[in-house]
Amino acid sequence: PDGEEIAFYAHRSGLRQVWIQPVDGGPARQLTRGEVESTFPSWSPDGREIAFLSRRDAKFEIRVVPTEGGEPLSLTNEPFVDDSFAFSPDGRWLVYESTRSGTSNFWRVSRAGGEPEKLSDAEGELLCWSPDGKSIYFVGVGEGRGNLWTMSGEGGSARPLTDLSGRPGALVLAGPLATDGTYLYFAWREGRGDIWVADVVFQ
């Protein structure tokens, strides 16, 4: 978050693990270890922790680990696919996509761990927060497939942000999805993938 270091995952030690390296060069240090793969690191807003996706066979877990190193904490540990996660801007919550209700819905769990809470019945993937934490944006799946959607940061019903029906191409579910508070940046593929923008209106 302070622009001094980057987090990434690599095969340097065998299985894919999370590493941290200064942006101006220098040696990288390994943050995660073990017999499971650790991928898709995401910084907490205060820069003190990194959330990542841990995978063993077909089981996915979301964990957090201090950036200075230490034992990771499992935030999810259920026989479901938990994926596509993001810290809330205040750092209190981690919102993620999960199939624990039978479809791909969004849930949240405290940064310190605890019982997950379902945020919405909306089906979606690939989320990001508005900078003020009032809204969550995501790519719709299921009946909402093919459009960008938004809902309150506290959960509840969702509404479409775009109407892309009939347009040649498709949203790229692999990302990116980001907002600066004025525009929402997303990937759209018409033959080759490009970055597009859409206006956003906060709830």
N, C-alpha and C. Protein backbone atom coordinates (compact mmCIF):
# COMPACT_ATOMS: atom_id res chain seq x y z
N PRO A 1 0.81 -1.23 0.00
CA PRO A 1 0.00 0.00 0.00
C PRO A 1 0.83 1.28 0.00
N ASP A 2 2.07 1.21 0.57
CA ASP A 2 2.93 2.39 0.59
C ASP A 2 3.80 2.50 -0.66
N GLY A 3 3.65 1.56 -1.58
CA GLY A 3 4.41 1.60 -2.82
C GLY A 3 5.86 1.19 -2.70
N GLU A 4 6.27 0.68 -1.55
CA GLU A 4 7.67 0.32 -1.34
C GLU A 4 7.98 -1.12 -1.73
N GLU A 5 6.97 -2.01 -1.64
CA GLU A 5 7.19 -3.42 -1.92
C GLU A 5 6.05 -3.97 -2.76
N ILE A 6 6.34 -5.07 -3.46
CA ILE A 6 5.31 -5.78 -4.18
C ILE A 6 5.24 -7.21 -3.65
N ALA A 7 4.03 -7.79 -3.70
CA ALA A 7 3.83 -9.19 -3.33
C ALA A 7 3.47 -9.96 -4.60
N PHE A 8 4.01 -11.14 -4.73
CA PHE A 8 3.74 -11.96 -5.91
C PHE A 8 3.89 -13.43 -5.52
N TYR A 9 3.46 -14.32 -6.42
CA TYR A 9 3.70 -15.73 -6.16
C TYR A 9 4.56 -16.31 -7.29
N ALA A 10 5.37 -17.31 -6.92
CA ALA A 10 6.32 -17.88 -7.88
C ALA A 10 6.67 -19.30 -7.47
N HIS A 11 7.26 -20.04 -8.43
CA HIS A 11 7.69 -21.43 -8.22
C HIS A 11 9.11 -21.52 -7.66
N ARG A 12 9.67 -20.46 -7.17
CA ARG A 12 11.11 -20.42 -6.84
C ARG A 12 11.55 -21.50 -5.87
N SER A 13 10.65 -21.93 -4.99
CA SER A 13 11.02 -22.93 -3.99
C SER A 13 10.34 -24.27 -4.24
N GLY A 14 9.82 -24.46 -5.44
CA GLY A 14 9.12 -25.70 -5.76
C GLY A 14 7.65 -25.41 -6.04
N LEU A 15 6.78 -25.56 -5.04
CA LEU A 15 5.38 -25.19 -5.19
C LEU A 15 5.25 -23.68 -5.26
N ARG A 16 4.17 -23.22 -5.81
CA ARG A 16 3.92 -21.77 -5.87
C ARG A 16 3.75 -21.23 -4.45
N GLN A 17 4.52 -20.20 -4.11
CA GLN A 17 4.46 -19.57 -2.80
C GLN A 17 4.47 -18.06 -2.96
N VAL A 18 4.10 -17.35 -1.89
CA VAL A 18 4.04 -15.89 -1.89
C VAL A 18 5.39 -15.32 -1.48
N TRP A 19 5.84 -14.32 -2.23
CA TRP A 19 7.11 -13.64 -1.98
C TRP A 19 6.86 -12.13 -1.92
N ILE A 20 7.77 -11.42 -1.27
CA ILE A 20 7.76 -9.96 -1.21
C ILE A 20 9.11 -9.44 -1.67
N GLN A 21 9.08 -8.36 -2.47
CA GLN A 21 10.32 -7.80 -2.99
C GLN A 21 10.22 -6.28 -3.06
N PRO A 22 11.29 -5.55 -2.75
CA PRO A 22 11.26 -4.08 -2.90
C PRO A 22 11.04 -3.69 -4.36
N VAL A 23 10.31 -2.61 -4.58
CA VAL A 23 10.00 -2.20 -5.94
C VAL A 23 11.25 -1.70 -6.68
N ASP A 24 12.27 -1.24 -5.95
CA ASP A 24 13.48 -0.74 -6.59
C ASP A 24 14.55 -1.81 -6.74
N GLY A 25 14.15 -3.09 -6.57
CA GLY A 25 15.09 -4.19 -6.72
C GLY A 25 15.53 -4.73 -5.38
N GLY A 26 16.50 -5.62 -5.41
CA GLY A 26 16.96 -6.23 -4.18
C GLY A 26 16.40 -7.63 -4.05
N PRO A 27 16.88 -8.37 -3.06
CA PRO A 27 16.45 -9.77 -2.92
C PRO A 27 14.99 -9.88 -2.49
N ALA A 28 14.32 -10.91 -2.99
CA ALA A 28 12.95 -11.22 -2.58
C ALA A 28 13.00 -12.14 -1.36
N ARG A 29 12.01 -12.01 -0.50
CA ARG A 29 11.93 -12.91 0.66
C ARG A 29 10.64 -13.72 0.58
N GLN A 30 10.75 -14.99 0.93
CA GLN A 30 9.61 -15.90 0.86
C GLN A 30 8.73 -15.72 2.08
N LEU A 31 7.43 -15.55 1.85
CA LEU A 31 6.51 -15.28 2.95
C LEU A 31 5.74 -16.53 3.36
N THR A 32 5.40 -17.40 2.42
CA THR A 32 4.65 -18.62 2.75
C THR A 32 5.49 -19.84 2.41
N ARG A 33 5.22 -20.91 3.15
CA ARG A 33 5.93 -22.18 2.95
C ARG A 33 4.96 -23.33 3.20
N GLY A 34 5.43 -24.54 2.96
CA GLY A 34 4.60 -25.69 3.25
C GLY A 34 4.34 -26.54 2.03
N GLU A 35 3.45 -27.49 2.19
CA GLU A 35 3.17 -28.46 1.15
C GLU A 35 1.90 -28.12 0.38
N VAL A 36 1.42 -26.91 0.49
CA VAL A 36 0.27 -26.45 -0.27
C VAL A 36 0.69 -25.24 -1.10
N GLU A 37 0.01 -25.01 -2.22
CA GLU A 37 0.31 -23.85 -3.05
C GLU A 37 -0.36 -22.61 -2.47
N SER A 38 0.34 -21.50 -2.53
CA SER A 38 -0.16 -20.22 -2.04
C SER A 38 -0.06 -19.20 -3.17
N THR A 39 -1.21 -18.62 -3.54
CA THR A 39 -1.26 -17.75 -4.72
C THR A 39 -2.12 -16.51 -4.45
N PHE A 40 -2.12 -15.60 -5.40
CA PHE A 40 -2.97 -14.41 -5.44
C PHE A 40 -2.90 -13.57 -4.15
N PRO A 41 -1.71 -13.09 -3.80
CA PRO A 41 -1.58 -12.27 -2.58
C PRO A 41 -2.28 -10.93 -2.71
N SER A 42 -2.83 -10.46 -1.60
CA SER A 42 -3.53 -9.17 -1.55
C SER A 42 -3.18 -8.48 -0.23
N TRP A 43 -2.67 -7.25 -0.33
CA TRP A 43 -2.26 -6.50 0.87
C TRP A 43 -3.47 -6.02 1.66
N SER A 44 -3.33 -6.04 2.99
CA SER A 44 -4.31 -5.34 3.82
C SER A 44 -4.09 -3.84 3.67
N PRO A 45 -5.12 -3.01 3.90
CA PRO A 45 -4.95 -1.56 3.71
C PRO A 45 -3.83 -0.95 4.54
N ASP A 46 -3.56 -1.48 5.72
CA ASP A 46 -2.48 -0.92 6.56
C ASP A 46 -1.12 -1.53 6.25
N GLY A 47 -1.08 -2.49 5.32
CA GLY A 47 0.18 -3.08 4.91
C GLY A 47 0.78 -4.07 5.90
N ARG A 48 0.05 -4.42 6.94
CA ARG A 48 0.61 -5.30 7.96
C ARG A 48 0.40 -6.78 7.66
N GLU A 49 -0.56 -7.10 6.81
CA GLU A 49 -0.87 -8.49 6.51
C GLU A 49 -1.10 -8.66 5.01
N ILE A 50 -0.98 -9.89 4.58
CA ILE A 50 -1.29 -10.27 3.20
C ILE A 50 -2.25 -11.44 3.24
N ALA A 51 -3.35 -11.31 2.52
CA ALA A 51 -4.27 -12.43 2.33
C ALA A 51 -3.86 -13.16 1.06
N PHE A 52 -4.08 -14.46 1.05
CA PHE A 52 -3.71 -15.25 -0.12
C PHE A 52 -4.60 -16.48 -0.21
N LEU A 53 -4.59 -17.10 -1.37
CA LEU A 53 -5.39 -18.29 -1.62
C LEU A 53 -4.49 -19.51 -1.47
N SER A 54 -4.88 -20.41 -0.60
CA SER A 54 -4.12 -21.63 -0.36
C SER A 54 -4.87 -22.80 -1.00
N ARG A 55 -4.16 -23.62 -1.74
CA ARG A 55 -4.81 -24.71 -2.47
C ARG A 55 -4.09 -26.03 -2.26
N ARG A 56 -4.84 -27.03 -1.85
CA ARG A 56 -4.37 -28.41 -1.81
C ARG A 56 -5.37 -29.26 -2.58
N ASP A 57 -4.92 -29.86 -3.66
CA ASP A 57 -5.80 -30.62 -4.56
C ASP A 57 -6.92 -29.69 -5.04
N ALA A 58 -8.19 -30.02 -4.75
CA ALA A 58 -9.30 -29.19 -5.21
C ALA A 58 -9.87 -28.32 -4.09
N LYS A 59 -9.19 -28.25 -2.96
CA LYS A 59 -9.68 -27.49 -1.83
C LYS A 59 -9.00 -26.13 -1.76
N PHE A 60 -9.79 -25.06 -1.66
CA PHE A 60 -9.27 -23.70 -1.61
C PHE A 60 -9.56 -23.11 -0.23
N GLU A 61 -8.59 -22.44 0.34
CA GLU A 61 -8.76 -21.71 1.59
C GLU A 61 -8.19 -20.31 1.44
N ILE A 62 -8.79 -19.36 2.15
CA ILE A 62 -8.25 -18.01 2.21
C ILE A 62 -7.55 -17.84 3.55
N ARG A 63 -6.30 -17.41 3.50
CA ARG A 63 -5.50 -17.25 4.71
C ARG A 63 -4.89 -15.85 4.75
N VAL A 64 -4.49 -15.42 5.93
CA VAL A 64 -3.76 -14.16 6.07
C VAL A 64 -2.47 -14.45 6.85
N VAL A 65 -1.43 -13.70 6.52
CA VAL A 65 -0.15 -13.88 7.18
C VAL A 65 0.47 -12.50 7.39
N PRO A 66 1.14 -12.26 8.52
CA PRO A 66 1.83 -10.98 8.72
C PRO A 66 2.90 -10.77 7.65
N THR A 67 3.06 -9.55 7.21
CA THR A 67 4.06 -9.26 6.18
C THR A 67 5.48 -9.46 6.67
N GLU A 68 5.68 -9.48 7.98
CA GLU A 68 6.99 -9.74 8.54
C GLU A 68 7.25 -11.23 8.70
N GLY A 69 6.25 -12.06 8.35
CA GLY A 69 6.39 -13.50 8.47
C GLY A 69 5.68 -14.03 9.69
N GLY A 70 5.45 -15.32 9.73
CA GLY A 70 4.76 -15.93 10.84
C GLY A 70 3.81 -17.01 10.36
N GLU A 71 3.01 -17.52 11.28
CA GLU A 71 2.08 -18.59 10.97
C GLU A 71 0.81 -18.01 10.35
N PRO A 72 0.41 -18.49 9.17
CA PRO A 72 -0.82 -17.99 8.56
C PRO A 72 -2.06 -18.38 9.36
N LEU A 73 -3.08 -17.53 9.27
CA LEU A 73 -4.37 -17.78 9.89
C LEU A 73 -5.37 -18.12 8.80
N SER A 74 -6.06 -19.25 8.94
CA SER A 74 -7.08 -19.65 7.97
C SER A 74 -8.38 -18.93 8.28
N LEU A 75 -8.86 -18.14 7.33
CA LEU A 75 -10.14 -17.45 7.50
C LEU A 75 -11.30 -18.30 6.99
N THR A 76 -11.04 -19.17 6.05
CA THR A 76 -12.05 -20.11 5.56
C THR A 76 -11.44 -21.49 5.56
N ASN A 77 -12.21 -22.47 5.99
CA ASN A 77 -11.70 -23.84 6.05
C ASN A 77 -12.88 -24.79 5.93
N GLU A 78 -13.52 -24.74 4.78
CA GLU A 78 -14.72 -25.54 4.54
C GLU A 78 -14.57 -26.26 3.20
N PRO A 79 -15.36 -27.31 2.96
CA PRO A 79 -15.26 -28.04 1.69
C PRO A 79 -15.99 -27.35 0.55
N PHE A 80 -15.68 -26.05 0.34
CA PHE A 80 -16.28 -25.29 -0.74
C PHE A 80 -15.17 -24.57 -1.51
N VAL A 81 -15.52 -24.01 -2.64
CA VAL A 81 -14.58 -23.20 -3.39
C VAL A 81 -14.70 -21.76 -2.91
N ASP A 82 -13.69 -21.26 -2.22
CA ASP A 82 -13.62 -19.88 -1.75
C ASP A 82 -12.57 -19.16 -2.56
N ASP A 83 -12.94 -18.04 -3.20
CA ASP A 83 -12.07 -17.44 -4.20
C ASP A 83 -12.37 -15.95 -4.29
N SER A 84 -11.65 -15.24 -5.15
CA SER A 84 -11.92 -13.84 -5.51
C SER A 84 -12.22 -12.98 -4.29
N PHE A 85 -11.18 -12.58 -3.56
CA PHE A 85 -11.35 -11.91 -2.28
C PHE A 85 -10.74 -10.52 -2.29
N ALA A 86 -11.18 -9.68 -1.35
CA ALA A 86 -10.64 -8.32 -1.23
C ALA A 86 -10.90 -7.80 0.17
N PHE A 87 -9.89 -7.12 0.75
CA PHE A 87 -10.06 -6.45 2.04
C PHE A 87 -10.99 -5.26 1.88
N SER A 88 -11.81 -5.00 2.89
CA SER A 88 -12.56 -3.75 2.93
C SER A 88 -11.58 -2.60 3.15
N PRO A 89 -11.90 -1.38 2.69
CA PRO A 89 -10.96 -0.26 2.84
C PRO A 89 -10.54 0.03 4.27
N ASP A 90 -11.42 -0.28 5.26
CA ASP A 90 -11.04 -0.05 6.65
C ASP A 90 -10.27 -1.23 7.23
N GLY A 91 -10.11 -2.30 6.45
CA GLY A 91 -9.33 -3.44 6.89
C GLY A 91 -10.02 -4.38 7.83
N ARG A 92 -11.29 -4.13 8.15
CA ARG A 92 -11.99 -4.97 9.13
C ARG A 92 -12.47 -6.29 8.56
N TRP A 93 -12.81 -6.30 7.28
CA TRP A 93 -13.44 -7.46 6.66
C TRP A 93 -12.67 -7.93 5.44
N LEU A 94 -12.85 -9.21 5.15
CA LEU A 94 -12.42 -9.76 3.88
C LEU A 94 -13.68 -10.31 3.20
N VAL A 95 -14.01 -9.75 2.05
CA VAL A 95 -15.15 -10.23 1.28
C VAL A 95 -14.65 -11.16 0.20
N TYR A 96 -15.36 -12.25 -0.02
CA TYR A 96 -14.89 -13.25 -0.97
C TYR A 96 -16.07 -13.96 -1.63
N GLU A 97 -15.78 -14.58 -2.74
CA GLU A 97 -16.75 -15.38 -3.47
C GLU A 97 -16.69 -16.81 -2.95
N SER A 98 -17.84 -17.44 -2.74
CA SER A 98 -17.86 -18.80 -2.23
C SER A 98 -19.06 -19.57 -2.81
N THR A 99 -18.88 -20.87 -2.96
CA THR A 99 -19.96 -21.74 -3.43
C THR A 99 -20.66 -22.44 -2.27
N ARG A 100 -20.46 -21.97 -1.05
CA ARG A 100 -21.00 -22.68 0.11
C ARG A 100 -22.52 -22.69 0.16
N SER A 101 -23.19 -21.80 -0.57
CA SER A 101 -24.65 -21.83 -0.62
C SER A 101 -25.18 -22.50 -1.89
N GLY A 102 -24.26 -23.09 -2.68
CA GLY A 102 -24.66 -23.79 -3.88
C GLY A 102 -24.40 -23.02 -5.16
N THR A 103 -24.31 -21.69 -5.08
CA THR A 103 -23.96 -20.85 -6.22
C THR A 103 -22.85 -19.89 -5.79
N SER A 104 -22.29 -19.16 -6.73
CA SER A 104 -21.19 -18.25 -6.43
C SER A 104 -21.72 -16.93 -5.87
N ASN A 105 -21.80 -16.85 -4.54
CA ASN A 105 -22.26 -15.65 -3.86
C ASN A 105 -21.13 -15.03 -3.07
N PHE A 106 -21.36 -13.81 -2.56
CA PHE A 106 -20.33 -13.12 -1.79
C PHE A 106 -20.59 -13.23 -0.29
N TRP A 107 -19.54 -13.51 0.42
CA TRP A 107 -19.56 -13.66 1.88
C TRP A 107 -18.49 -12.75 2.45
N ARG A 108 -18.57 -12.49 3.74
CA ARG A 108 -17.51 -11.75 4.41
C ARG A 108 -17.15 -12.44 5.71
N VAL A 109 -15.89 -12.25 6.11
CA VAL A 109 -15.39 -12.80 7.36
C VAL A 109 -14.49 -11.76 7.99
N SER A 110 -14.48 -11.71 9.30
CA SER A 110 -13.62 -10.76 10.00
C SER A 110 -12.16 -11.03 9.68
N ARG A 111 -11.40 -9.97 9.61
CA ARG A 111 -9.95 -10.09 9.39
C ARG A 111 -9.30 -10.95 10.47
N ALA A 112 -9.89 -10.97 11.65
CA ALA A 112 -9.35 -11.75 12.76
C ALA A 112 -9.86 -13.18 12.77
N GLY A 113 -10.74 -13.54 11.82
CA GLY A 113 -11.33 -14.87 11.78
C GLY A 113 -12.71 -14.88 12.41
N GLY A 114 -13.39 -16.00 12.32
CA GLY A 114 -14.73 -16.11 12.87
C GLY A 114 -15.68 -16.75 11.87
N GLU A 115 -16.97 -16.64 12.17
CA GLU A 115 -17.99 -17.25 11.33
C GLU A 115 -18.29 -16.38 10.12
N PRO A 116 -18.24 -16.95 8.90
CA PRO A 116 -18.56 -16.16 7.70
C PRO A 116 -20.03 -15.73 7.68
N GLU A 117 -20.28 -14.61 7.02
CA GLU A 117 -21.62 -14.04 6.90
C GLU A 117 -21.93 -13.80 5.43
N LYS A 118 -23.07 -14.29 4.97
CA LYS A 118 -23.46 -14.10 3.58
C LYS A 118 -23.90 -12.65 3.36
N LEU A 119 -23.38 -12.02 2.29
CA LEU A 119 -23.70 -10.63 2.02
C LEU A 119 -24.88 -10.47 1.08
N SER A 120 -25.03 -11.36 0.12
CA SER A 120 -26.05 -11.17 -0.90
C SER A 120 -26.35 -12.48 -1.60
N ASP A 121 -27.56 -12.57 -2.16
CA ASP A 121 -27.91 -13.72 -3.00
C ASP A 121 -27.44 -13.52 -4.43
N ALA A 122 -26.92 -12.34 -4.75
CA ALA A 122 -26.43 -12.08 -6.11
C ALA A 122 -25.28 -13.02 -6.44
N GLU A 123 -25.26 -13.51 -7.68
CA GLU A 123 -24.19 -14.38 -8.13
C GLU A 123 -23.13 -13.55 -8.83
N GLY A 124 -21.88 -13.72 -8.44
CA GLY A 124 -20.83 -12.91 -9.04
C GLY A 124 -19.44 -13.45 -8.81
N GLU A 125 -18.50 -12.83 -9.49
CA GLU A 125 -17.07 -13.13 -9.36
C GLU A 125 -16.29 -11.83 -9.44
N LEU A 126 -15.03 -11.89 -9.08
CA LEU A 126 -14.09 -10.79 -9.35
C LEU A 126 -14.57 -9.45 -8.78
N LEU A 127 -14.42 -9.25 -7.48
CA LEU A 127 -14.95 -8.06 -6.83
C LEU A 127 -13.89 -7.01 -6.56
N CYS A 128 -14.35 -5.77 -6.35
CA CYS A 128 -13.50 -4.71 -5.82
C CYS A 128 -14.38 -3.75 -5.03
N TRP A 129 -13.77 -3.02 -4.10
CA TRP A 129 -14.46 -2.07 -3.23
C TRP A 129 -14.33 -0.66 -3.78
N SER A 130 -15.33 0.17 -3.51
CA SER A 130 -15.15 1.60 -3.71
C SER A 130 -14.20 2.12 -2.64
N PRO A 131 -13.46 3.19 -2.90
CA PRO A 131 -12.48 3.69 -1.92
C PRO A 131 -13.09 4.04 -0.56
N ASP A 132 -14.36 4.48 -0.55
CA ASP A 132 -14.98 4.85 0.72
C ASP A 132 -15.65 3.67 1.42
N GLY A 133 -15.61 2.49 0.83
CA GLY A 133 -16.16 1.30 1.46
C GLY A 133 -17.68 1.19 1.39
N LYS A 134 -18.33 2.10 0.71
CA LYS A 134 -19.80 2.08 0.66
C LYS A 134 -20.35 1.11 -0.38
N SER A 135 -19.55 0.76 -1.38
CA SER A 135 -20.03 -0.07 -2.48
C SER A 135 -19.04 -1.17 -2.82
N ILE A 136 -19.58 -2.27 -3.33
CA ILE A 136 -18.79 -3.36 -3.87
C ILE A 136 -19.21 -3.53 -5.33
N TYR A 137 -18.23 -3.68 -6.20
CA TYR A 137 -18.49 -3.90 -7.63
C TYR A 137 -18.03 -5.31 -7.99
N PHE A 138 -18.74 -5.93 -8.92
CA PHE A 138 -18.36 -7.29 -9.29
C PHE A 138 -18.88 -7.63 -10.68
N VAL A 139 -18.35 -8.73 -11.21
CA VAL A 139 -18.79 -9.26 -12.50
C VAL A 139 -19.89 -10.28 -12.25
N GLY A 140 -21.02 -10.10 -12.88
CA GLY A 140 -22.14 -10.99 -12.66
C GLY A 140 -21.96 -12.34 -13.34
N VAL A 141 -22.48 -13.37 -12.71
CA VAL A 141 -22.56 -14.71 -13.30
C VAL A 141 -23.99 -15.19 -13.14
N GLY A 142 -24.29 -16.38 -13.64
CA GLY A 142 -25.67 -16.86 -13.56
C GLY A 142 -26.58 -15.97 -14.39
N GLU A 143 -27.72 -15.57 -13.80
CA GLU A 143 -28.66 -14.72 -14.52
C GLU A 143 -28.09 -13.34 -14.80
N GLY A 144 -27.11 -12.91 -14.03
CA GLY A 144 -26.51 -11.59 -14.24
C GLY A 144 -25.27 -11.62 -15.10
N ARG A 145 -25.00 -12.74 -15.74
CA ARG A 145 -23.79 -12.90 -16.53
C ARG A 145 -23.70 -11.84 -17.63
N GLY A 146 -22.47 -11.36 -17.84
CA GLY A 146 -22.23 -10.44 -18.94
C GLY A 146 -22.31 -8.98 -18.59
N ASN A 147 -22.56 -8.66 -17.31
CA ASN A 147 -22.64 -7.26 -16.90
C ASN A 147 -21.87 -7.02 -15.60
N LEU A 148 -21.57 -5.76 -15.34
CA LEU A 148 -20.99 -5.34 -14.07
C LEU A 148 -22.12 -4.95 -13.13
N TRP A 149 -21.96 -5.32 -11.87
CA TRP A 149 -23.01 -5.09 -10.87
C TRP A 149 -22.42 -4.36 -9.67
N THR A 150 -23.29 -3.80 -8.84
CA THR A 150 -22.87 -3.14 -7.61
C THR A 150 -23.85 -3.44 -6.50
N MET A 151 -23.35 -3.44 -5.27
CA MET A 151 -24.20 -3.59 -4.09
C MET A 151 -23.56 -2.81 -2.95
N SER A 152 -24.31 -2.61 -1.90
CA SER A 152 -23.80 -1.91 -0.73
C SER A 152 -22.65 -2.69 -0.10
N GLY A 153 -21.71 -1.99 0.49
CA GLY A 153 -20.64 -2.64 1.20
C GLY A 153 -21.11 -3.44 2.41
N GLU A 154 -22.35 -3.18 2.85
CA GLU A 154 -22.94 -3.93 3.95
C GLU A 154 -23.77 -5.11 3.46
N GLY A 155 -23.82 -5.29 2.12
CA GLY A 155 -24.57 -6.40 1.57
C GLY A 155 -25.98 -6.01 1.16
N GLY A 156 -26.78 -7.01 0.81
CA GLY A 156 -28.15 -6.76 0.39
C GLY A 156 -28.31 -6.99 -1.11
N SER A 157 -29.36 -6.39 -1.66
CA SER A 157 -29.65 -6.60 -3.08
C SER A 157 -28.61 -5.89 -3.96
N ALA A 158 -28.45 -6.41 -5.17
CA ALA A 158 -27.50 -5.85 -6.12
C ALA A 158 -28.26 -5.28 -7.31
N ARG A 159 -27.63 -4.34 -8.02
CA ARG A 159 -28.24 -3.77 -9.21
C ARG A 159 -27.20 -3.72 -10.32
N PRO A 160 -27.62 -3.85 -11.57
CA PRO A 160 -26.67 -3.80 -12.68
C PRO A 160 -26.11 -2.40 -12.88
N LEU A 161 -24.83 -2.33 -13.17
CA LEU A 161 -24.17 -1.06 -13.43
C LEU A 161 -24.03 -0.81 -14.93
N THR A 162 -24.06 -1.89 -15.70
CA THR A 162 -23.92 -1.78 -17.15
C THR A 162 -25.01 -2.59 -17.85
N ASP A 163 -25.23 -2.28 -19.11
CA ASP A 163 -26.08 -3.08 -19.99
C ASP A 163 -25.27 -3.36 -21.25
N LEU A 164 -24.57 -4.47 -21.22
CA LEU A 164 -23.66 -4.83 -22.31
C LEU A 164 -24.26 -5.88 -23.23
N SER A 165 -25.54 -6.16 -23.07
CA SER A 165 -26.17 -7.17 -23.91
C SER A 165 -26.16 -6.72 -25.37
N GLY A 166 -25.85 -7.65 -26.25
CA GLY A 166 -25.80 -7.35 -27.67
C GLY A 166 -24.49 -6.80 -28.16
N ARG A 167 -23.61 -6.40 -27.25
CA ARG A 167 -22.30 -5.87 -27.66
C ARG A 167 -21.37 -7.03 -28.01
N PRO A 168 -20.66 -6.94 -29.12
CA PRO A 168 -19.71 -8.01 -29.46
C PRO A 168 -18.64 -8.16 -28.38
N GLY A 169 -18.31 -9.39 -28.03
CA GLY A 169 -17.28 -9.64 -27.05
C GLY A 169 -17.85 -10.10 -25.73
N ALA A 170 -17.00 -10.11 -24.71
CA ALA A 170 -17.40 -10.61 -23.40
C ALA A 170 -16.49 -10.05 -22.32
N LEU A 171 -17.02 -9.98 -21.09
CA LEU A 171 -16.20 -9.61 -19.95
C LEU A 171 -15.16 -10.70 -19.68
N VAL A 172 -13.98 -10.28 -19.27
CA VAL A 172 -12.91 -11.22 -18.95
C VAL A 172 -12.94 -11.50 -17.46
N LEU A 173 -13.28 -12.72 -17.08
CA LEU A 173 -13.45 -13.05 -15.67
C LEU A 173 -12.12 -13.14 -14.94
N ALA A 174 -11.02 -13.21 -15.66
CA ALA A 174 -9.71 -13.25 -15.02
C ALA A 174 -9.22 -11.87 -14.59
N GLY A 175 -10.00 -10.83 -14.86
CA GLY A 175 -9.64 -9.51 -14.40
C GLY A 175 -8.93 -8.69 -15.45
N PRO A 176 -8.54 -7.46 -15.12
CA PRO A 176 -8.65 -6.84 -13.80
C PRO A 176 -10.01 -6.18 -13.57
N LEU A 177 -10.29 -5.83 -12.31
CA LEU A 177 -11.46 -5.03 -11.96
C LEU A 177 -11.00 -4.08 -10.84
N ALA A 178 -11.10 -2.77 -11.09
CA ALA A 178 -10.60 -1.79 -10.12
C ALA A 178 -11.36 -0.49 -10.30
N THR A 179 -11.38 0.32 -9.25
CA THR A 179 -12.02 1.63 -9.33
C THR A 179 -11.19 2.67 -8.59
N ASP A 180 -11.24 3.91 -9.10
CA ASP A 180 -10.61 5.03 -8.43
C ASP A 180 -11.64 5.92 -7.76
N GLY A 181 -12.89 5.47 -7.73
CA GLY A 181 -13.97 6.26 -7.15
C GLY A 181 -14.79 7.02 -8.17
N THR A 182 -14.24 7.17 -9.36
CA THR A 182 -14.95 7.84 -10.45
C THR A 182 -15.26 6.89 -11.59
N TYR A 183 -14.31 6.05 -11.92
CA TYR A 183 -14.48 5.08 -13.00
C TYR A 183 -14.21 3.67 -12.50
N LEU A 184 -14.84 2.72 -13.16
CA LEU A 184 -14.60 1.30 -12.92
C LEU A 184 -13.84 0.75 -14.12
N TYR A 185 -12.69 0.16 -13.87
CA TYR A 185 -11.83 -0.35 -14.93
C TYR A 185 -12.01 -1.87 -15.02
N PHE A 186 -12.25 -2.37 -16.23
CA PHE A 186 -12.50 -3.79 -16.40
C PHE A 186 -11.95 -4.25 -17.74
N ALA A 187 -11.82 -5.57 -17.88
CA ALA A 187 -11.29 -6.15 -19.12
C ALA A 187 -12.44 -6.65 -19.97
N TRP A 188 -12.39 -6.31 -21.26
CA TRP A 188 -13.41 -6.71 -22.23
C TRP A 188 -12.69 -7.31 -23.44
N ARG A 189 -13.16 -8.45 -23.89
CA ARG A 189 -12.49 -9.13 -24.99
C ARG A 189 -13.34 -9.08 -26.25
N GLU A 190 -12.79 -8.44 -27.28
CA GLU A 190 -13.34 -8.50 -28.63
C GLU A 190 -12.22 -9.01 -29.53
N GLY A 191 -12.07 -10.32 -29.55
CA GLY A 191 -10.92 -10.90 -30.21
C GLY A 191 -9.74 -10.91 -29.26
N ARG A 192 -9.13 -9.75 -29.03
CA ARG A 192 -8.07 -9.61 -28.05
C ARG A 192 -8.61 -8.80 -26.87
N GLY A 193 -8.08 -9.05 -25.67
CA GLY A 193 -8.57 -8.36 -24.49
C GLY A 193 -8.06 -6.94 -24.38
N ASP A 194 -8.92 -6.01 -23.98
CA ASP A 194 -8.55 -4.62 -23.77
C ASP A 194 -9.10 -4.16 -22.42
N ILE A 195 -8.57 -3.05 -21.91
CA ILE A 195 -9.06 -2.45 -20.68
C ILE A 195 -10.09 -1.38 -21.03
N TRP A 196 -11.28 -1.44 -20.44
CA TRP A 196 -12.35 -0.48 -20.65
C TRP A 196 -12.65 0.21 -19.34
N VAL A 197 -13.41 1.31 -19.41
CA VAL A 197 -13.83 2.01 -18.21
C VAL A 197 -15.33 2.27 -18.27
N ALA A 198 -15.94 2.38 -17.09
CA ALA A 198 -17.36 2.73 -16.98
C ALA A 198 -17.51 3.70 -15.83
N ASP A 199 -18.45 4.65 -15.94
CA ASP A 199 -18.75 5.54 -14.83
C ASP A 199 -19.35 4.75 -13.69
N VAL A 200 -19.10 5.18 -12.48
CA VAL A 200 -19.71 4.54 -11.31
C VAL A 200 -20.48 5.59 -10.53
N VAL A 201 -21.57 5.14 -9.91
CA VAL A 201 -22.37 6.00 -9.06
C VAL A 201 -22.47 5.31 -7.71
N PHE A 202 -21.97 5.97 -6.67
CA PHE A 202 -21.99 5.35 -5.35
C PHE A 202 -23.39 5.38 -4.77
N GLN A 203 -23.69 4.31 -3.99
CA GLN A 203 -24.98 4.23 -3.35
C GLN A 203 -25.01 5.11 -2.11
